[in-house]
C-alpha atoms as a PDB file:
ATOM      1  CA  UNK A   1      71.821-156.787  19.463  1.00  0.00           C
ATOM      2  CA  UNK A   2      71.170-155.006  16.186  1.00  0.00           C
ATOM      3  CA  UNK A   3      70.814-157.030  12.992  1.00  0.00           C
ATOM      4  CA  UNK A   4      72.699-155.331  10.137  1.00  0.00           C
ATOM      5  CA  UNK A   5      72.209-158.052   7.517  1.00  0.00           C
ATOM      6  CA  UNK A   6      71.742-161.821   7.608  1.00  0.00           C
ATOM      7  CA  UNK A   7      74.525-163.220   9.785  1.00  0.00           C
ATOM      8  CA  UNK A   8      75.936-159.810  10.816  1.00  0.00           C
ATOM      9  CA  UNK A   9      75.062-158.212  14.126  1.00  0.00           C
ATOM     10  CA  UNK A  10      76.453-155.525  16.417  1.00  0.00           C
ATOM     11  CA  UNK A  11      75.831-154.526  19.978  1.00  0.00           C
ATOM     12  CA  UNK A  12      73.200-151.902  20.675  1.00  0.00           C
ATOM     13  CA  UNK A  13      74.632-148.469  21.487  1.00  0.00           C
ATOM     14  CA  UNK A  14      73.941-148.854  25.216  1.00  0.00           C
ATOM     15  CA  UNK A  15      76.315-151.839  25.318  1.00  0.00           C
ATOM     16  CA  UNK A  16      79.127-150.460  23.135  1.00  0.00           C
ATOM     17  CA  UNK A  17      82.144-148.630  24.514  1.00  0.00           C
ATOM     18  CA  UNK A  18      82.868-146.906  21.196  1.00  0.00           C
ATOM     19  CA  UNK A  19      80.919-145.258  18.389  1.00  0.00           C
ATOM     20  CA  UNK A  20      80.546-147.231  15.139  1.00  0.00           C
ATOM     21  CA  UNK A  21      81.654-144.977  12.294  1.00  0.00           C
ATOM     22  CA  UNK A  22      79.396-145.466   9.239  1.00  0.00           C
ATOM     23  CA  UNK A  23      82.366-145.537   6.843  1.00  0.00           C
ATOM     24  CA  UNK A  24      84.039-148.352   8.815  1.00  0.00           C
ATOM     25  CA  UNK A  25      80.756-150.259   8.890  1.00  0.00           C
ATOM     26  CA  UNK A  26      80.363-149.819   5.121  1.00  0.00           C
ATOM     27  CA  UNK A  27      83.493-151.868   4.473  1.00  0.00           C
ATOM     28  CA  UNK A  28      82.172-154.710   6.631  1.00  0.00           C
ATOM     29  CA  UNK A  29      78.665-154.858   5.157  1.00  0.00           C
ATOM     30  CA  UNK A  30      79.792-155.573   1.579  1.00  0.00           C
ATOM     31  CA  UNK A  31      83.408-156.361   0.779  1.00  0.00           C
ATOM     32  CA  UNK A  32      85.423-155.597  -1.203  1.00  0.00           C
ATOM     33  CA  UNK A  33      84.260-152.009  -1.410  1.00  0.00           C
ATOM     34  CA  UNK A  34      85.334-148.447  -0.690  1.00  0.00           C
ATOM     35  CA  UNK A  35      83.515-145.248   0.226  1.00  0.00           C
ATOM     36  CA  UNK A  36      83.159-143.129  -2.915  1.00  0.00           C
ATOM     37  CA  UNK A  37      80.726-140.964  -4.902  1.00  0.00           C
ATOM     38  CA  UNK A  38      78.916-138.245  -2.919  1.00  0.00           C
ATOM     39  CA  UNK A  39      80.072-139.661   0.437  1.00  0.00           C
ATOM     40  CA  UNK A  40      83.764-139.346  -0.466  1.00  0.00           C
ATOM     41  CA  UNK A  41      83.269-135.906  -2.013  1.00  0.00           C
ATOM     42  CA  UNK A  42      81.547-134.780   1.182  1.00  0.00           C
ATOM     43  CA  UNK A  43      84.361-136.310   3.282  1.00  0.00           C
ATOM     44  CA  UNK A  44      86.873-134.265   1.257  1.00  0.00           C
ATOM     45  CA  UNK A  45      84.820-131.103   1.860  1.00  0.00           C
ATOM     46  CA  UNK A  46      83.692-130.612  -1.754  1.00  0.00           C
ATOM     47  CA  UNK A  47      79.910-130.972  -1.403  1.00  0.00           C
ATOM     48  CA  UNK A  48      77.918-128.304   0.422  1.00  0.00           C
ATOM     49  CA  UNK A  49      74.981-130.585   1.329  1.00  0.00           C
ATOM     50  CA  UNK A  50      74.725-133.227   4.015  1.00  0.00           C
ATOM     51  CA  UNK A  51      74.825-136.815   2.767  1.00  0.00           C
ATOM     52  CA  UNK A  52      72.330-139.218   4.342  1.00  0.00           C
ATOM     53  CA  UNK A  53      73.413-142.455   2.655  1.00  0.00           C
ATOM     54  CA  UNK A  54      76.898-143.933   2.682  1.00  0.00           C
ATOM     55  CA  UNK A  55      77.646-144.384  -1.019  1.00  0.00           C
ATOM     56  CA  UNK A  56      80.237-147.004  -1.906  1.00  0.00           C
ATOM     57  CA  UNK A  57      81.732-148.650  -4.964  1.00  0.00           C
ATOM     58  CA  UNK A  58      82.435-152.340  -5.386  1.00  0.00           C
ATOM     59  CA  UNK A  59      83.725-154.565  -8.198  1.00  0.00           C
ATOM     60  CA  UNK A  60      80.971-157.028  -7.207  1.00  0.00           C
ATOM     61  CA  UNK A  61      77.241-156.716  -7.733  1.00  0.00           C
ATOM     62  CA  UNK A  62      75.208-153.634  -6.807  1.00  0.00           C
ATOM     63  CA  UNK A  63      73.575-153.881  -3.365  1.00  0.00           C
ATOM     64  CA  UNK A  64      71.964-151.705  -0.726  1.00  0.00           C
ATOM     65  CA  UNK A  65      71.378-152.199   2.965  1.00  0.00           C
ATOM     66  CA  UNK A  66      69.002-150.320   5.217  1.00  0.00           C
ATOM     67  CA  UNK A  67      70.181-150.915   8.775  1.00  0.00           C
ATOM     68  CA  UNK A  68      69.381-149.428  12.176  1.00  0.00           C
ATOM     69  CA  UNK A  69      72.705-147.572  11.823  1.00  0.00           C
ATOM     70  CA  UNK A  70      71.997-146.044   8.407  1.00  0.00           C
ATOM     71  CA  UNK A  71      71.521-146.692   4.717  1.00  0.00           C
ATOM     72  CA  UNK A  72      74.433-148.053   2.689  1.00  0.00           C
ATOM     73  CA  UNK A  73      74.498-148.221  -1.119  1.00  0.00           C
ATOM     74  CA  UNK A  74      77.035-150.153  -3.200  1.00  0.00           C
ATOM     75  CA  UNK A  75      77.304-149.568  -6.938  1.00  0.00           C
ATOM     76  CA  UNK A  76      79.313-151.783  -9.255  1.00  0.00           C
ATOM     77  CA  UNK A  77      82.196-150.038 -11.005  1.00  0.00           C
ATOM     78  CA  UNK A  78      84.448-152.475 -12.874  1.00  0.00           C
ATOM     79  CA  UNK A  79      88.140-151.625 -12.695  1.00  0.00           C
ATOM     80  CA  UNK A  80      91.359-153.475 -13.432  1.00  0.00           C
ATOM     81  CA  UNK A  81      92.735-152.099 -10.131  1.00  0.00           C
ATOM     82  CA  UNK A  82      89.739-151.581  -7.811  1.00  0.00           C
ATOM     83  CA  UNK A  83      91.841-149.771  -5.167  1.00  0.00           C
ATOM     84  CA  UNK A  84      93.368-147.244  -7.588  1.00  0.00           C
ATOM     85  CA  UNK A  85      92.950-143.790  -6.060  1.00  0.00           C
ATOM     86  CA  UNK A  86      91.727-145.267  -2.775  1.00  0.00           C
ATOM     87  CA  UNK A  87      93.521-145.112   0.551  1.00  0.00           C
ATOM     88  CA  UNK A  88      92.963-146.426   4.064  1.00  0.00           C
ATOM     89  CA  UNK A  89      91.967-143.519   6.311  1.00  0.00           C
ATOM     90  CA  UNK A  90      91.964-143.539  10.108  1.00  0.00           C
ATOM     91  CA  UNK A  91      88.545-142.197  11.101  1.00  0.00           C
ATOM     92  CA  UNK A  92      88.900-142.155  14.862  1.00  0.00           C
ATOM     93  CA  UNK A  93      90.854-143.876  17.606  1.00  0.00           C
ATOM     94  CA  UNK A  94      90.018-147.410  16.424  1.00  0.00           C
ATOM     95  CA  UNK A  95      88.215-147.158  13.063  1.00  0.00           C
ATOM     96  CA  UNK A  96      89.641-147.297   9.557  1.00  0.00           C
ATOM     97  CA  UNK A  97      87.963-147.217   6.147  1.00  0.00           C
ATOM     98  CA  UNK A  98      88.936-147.314   2.501  1.00  0.00           C
ATOM     99  CA  UNK A  99      87.956-143.923   1.033  1.00  0.00           C
ATOM    100  CA  UNK A 100      88.312-142.793  -2.585  1.00  0.00           C
ATOM    101  CA  UNK A 101      90.285-139.685  -3.411  1.00  0.00           C
ATOM    102  CA  UNK A 102      88.237-136.809  -4.806  1.00  0.00           C
ATOM    103  CA  UNK A 103      89.436-137.625  -8.340  1.00  0.00           C
ATOM    104  CA  UNK A 104      88.493-141.301  -8.015  1.00  0.00           C
ATOM    105  CA  UNK A 105      85.087-140.370  -6.554  1.00  0.00           C
ATOM    106  CA  UNK A 106      84.450-138.127  -9.577  1.00  0.00           C
ATOM    107  CA  UNK A 107      85.528-140.913 -11.954  1.00  0.00           C
ATOM    108  CA  UNK A 108      83.134-143.316 -10.225  1.00  0.00           C
ATOM    109  CA  UNK A 109      80.297-140.751 -10.441  1.00  0.00           C
ATOM    110  CA  UNK A 110      80.879-140.181 -14.148  1.00  0.00           C
ATOM    111  CA  UNK A 111      80.917-143.945 -14.765  1.00  0.00           C
ATOM    112  CA  UNK A 112      77.577-144.406 -12.995  1.00  0.00           C
ATOM    113  CA  UNK A 113      75.886-141.391 -14.579  1.00  0.00           C
ATOM    114  CA  UNK A 114      75.771-142.656 -18.149  1.00  0.00           C
ATOM    115  CA  UNK A 115      74.487-139.334 -19.535  1.00  0.00           C
ATOM    116  CA  UNK A 116      77.559-137.372 -18.364  1.00  0.00           C
ATOM    117  CA  UNK A 117      80.428-136.760 -20.815  1.00  0.00           C
ATOM    118  CA  UNK A 118      83.184-134.197 -21.105  1.00  0.00           C
ATOM    119  CA  UNK A 119      82.037-132.935 -24.520  1.00  0.00           C
ATOM    120  CA  UNK A 120      78.411-132.453 -23.412  1.00  0.00           C
ATOM    121  CA  UNK A 121      78.885-131.353 -19.796  1.00  0.00           C
ATOM    122  CA  UNK A 122      82.502-130.469 -19.042  1.00  0.00           C
ATOM    123  CA  UNK A 123      82.983-129.010 -15.571  1.00  0.00           C
ATOM    124  CA  UNK A 124      79.306-128.006 -15.600  1.00  0.00           C
ATOM    125  CA  UNK A 125      78.412-131.449 -14.275  1.00  0.00           C
ATOM    126  CA  UNK A 126      80.550-130.867 -11.176  1.00  0.00           C
ATOM    127  CA  UNK A 127      79.805-127.164 -10.692  1.00  0.00           C
ATOM    128  CA  UNK A 128      76.109-127.043 -11.564  1.00  0.00           C
ATOM    129  CA  UNK A 129      74.801-130.566 -10.966  1.00  0.00           C
ATOM    130  CA  UNK A 130      77.008-131.543  -8.023  1.00  0.00           C
ATOM    131  CA  UNK A 131      77.278-127.932  -6.716  1.00  0.00           C
ATOM    132  CA  UNK A 132      81.043-128.086  -6.195  1.00  0.00           C
ATOM    133  CA  UNK A 133      82.632-124.634  -6.033  1.00  0.00           C
ATOM    134  CA  UNK A 134      85.012-123.939  -8.967  1.00  0.00           C
ATOM    135  CA  UNK A 135      87.799-122.852  -6.587  1.00  0.00           C
ATOM    136  CA  UNK A 136      87.422-126.145  -4.674  1.00  0.00           C
ATOM    137  CA  UNK A 137      87.972-128.071  -7.908  1.00  0.00           C
ATOM    138  CA  UNK A 138      91.446-126.546  -8.133  1.00  0.00           C
ATOM    139  CA  UNK A 139      92.314-128.250  -4.830  1.00  0.00           C
ATOM    140  CA  UNK A 140      91.820-131.737  -6.313  1.00  0.00           C
ATOM    141  CA  UNK A 141      95.057-133.696  -6.427  1.00  0.00           C
ATOM    142  CA  UNK A 142      96.087-135.242  -9.733  1.00  0.00           C
ATOM    143  CA  UNK A 143      99.014-137.145  -8.173  1.00  0.00           C
ATOM    144  CA  UNK A 144      97.525-140.580  -8.885  1.00  0.00           C
ATOM    145  CA  UNK A 145      95.835-139.544 -12.134  1.00  0.00           C
ATOM    146  CA  UNK A 146      97.477-142.181 -14.351  1.00  0.00           C
ATOM    147  CA  UNK A 147      96.765-144.978 -11.878  1.00  0.00           C
ATOM    148  CA  UNK A 148      93.070-144.032 -11.664  1.00  0.00           C
ATOM    149  CA  UNK A 149      92.683-143.433 -15.408  1.00  0.00           C
ATOM    150  CA  UNK A 150      94.395-146.691 -16.375  1.00  0.00           C
ATOM    151  CA  UNK A 151      92.345-148.775 -13.933  1.00  0.00           C
ATOM    152  CA  UNK A 152      89.013-147.744 -15.474  1.00  0.00           C
ATOM    153  CA  UNK A 153      88.093-149.324 -18.791  1.00  0.00           C
ATOM    154  CA  UNK A 154      85.351-146.915 -19.832  1.00  0.00           C
ATOM    155  CA  UNK A 155      86.346-144.520 -22.665  1.00  0.00           C
ATOM    156  CA  UNK A 156      83.774-141.896 -21.617  1.00  0.00           C
ATOM    157  CA  UNK A 157      85.229-141.770 -18.085  1.00  0.00           C
ATOM    158  CA  UNK A 158      88.791-141.585 -19.429  1.00  0.00           C
ATOM    159  CA  UNK A 159      87.807-138.704 -21.724  1.00  0.00           C
ATOM    160  CA  UNK A 160      86.153-136.892 -18.806  1.00  0.00           C
ATOM    161  CA  UNK A 161      89.258-137.300 -16.626  1.00  0.00           C
ATOM    162  CA  UNK A 162      91.502-136.095 -19.466  1.00  0.00           C
ATOM    163  CA  UNK A 163      89.304-133.027 -19.956  1.00  0.00           C
ATOM    164  CA  UNK A 164      89.324-132.300 -16.222  1.00  0.00           C
ATOM    165  CA  UNK A 165      93.096-132.547 -16.094  1.00  0.00           C
ATOM    166  CA  UNK A 166      93.508-130.135 -19.019  1.00  0.00           C
ATOM    167  CA  UNK A 167      91.020-127.689 -17.500  1.00  0.00           C
ATOM    168  CA  UNK A 168      92.023-127.525 -13.839  1.00  0.00           C
ATOM    169  CA  UNK A 169      95.435-129.130 -13.352  1.00  0.00           C
ATOM    170  CA  UNK A 170      98.302-126.634 -12.928  1.00  0.00           C
END
């Protein structure tokens, strides 16, 4: 048995018939939450580097867990609709996880990085700091833009999303 947190255990790998996907485990460790930030951007193929911590967002308090199966970080992002821009994704034959869209992951990143704003950084934050290729930014879907924008109460994040939409949306 592996202890993941107080009161939560899983079988050791030798005794499991299936692989435990880290994203599925993230939703169990601290709920409600969804995979976001660098982890979601990497899942969507936007980040060139490997991600070694599963980064999540929660409307509850910030937490982190270091387990035998990996490191999981949960940052608080208040939202009127916490699942705006988030969908359930089938990861493998039996595992599901709530994963933020690329646009929602960017909104969550901007919220948590208090120094980032559209007027000061623009797309430079994504291209230079996050190392996202400019042509990859054009692949970001703005289908649920209004839902994501309206769920977040932070004016700086809303201004950043508006600027992004003007700059890269067709």
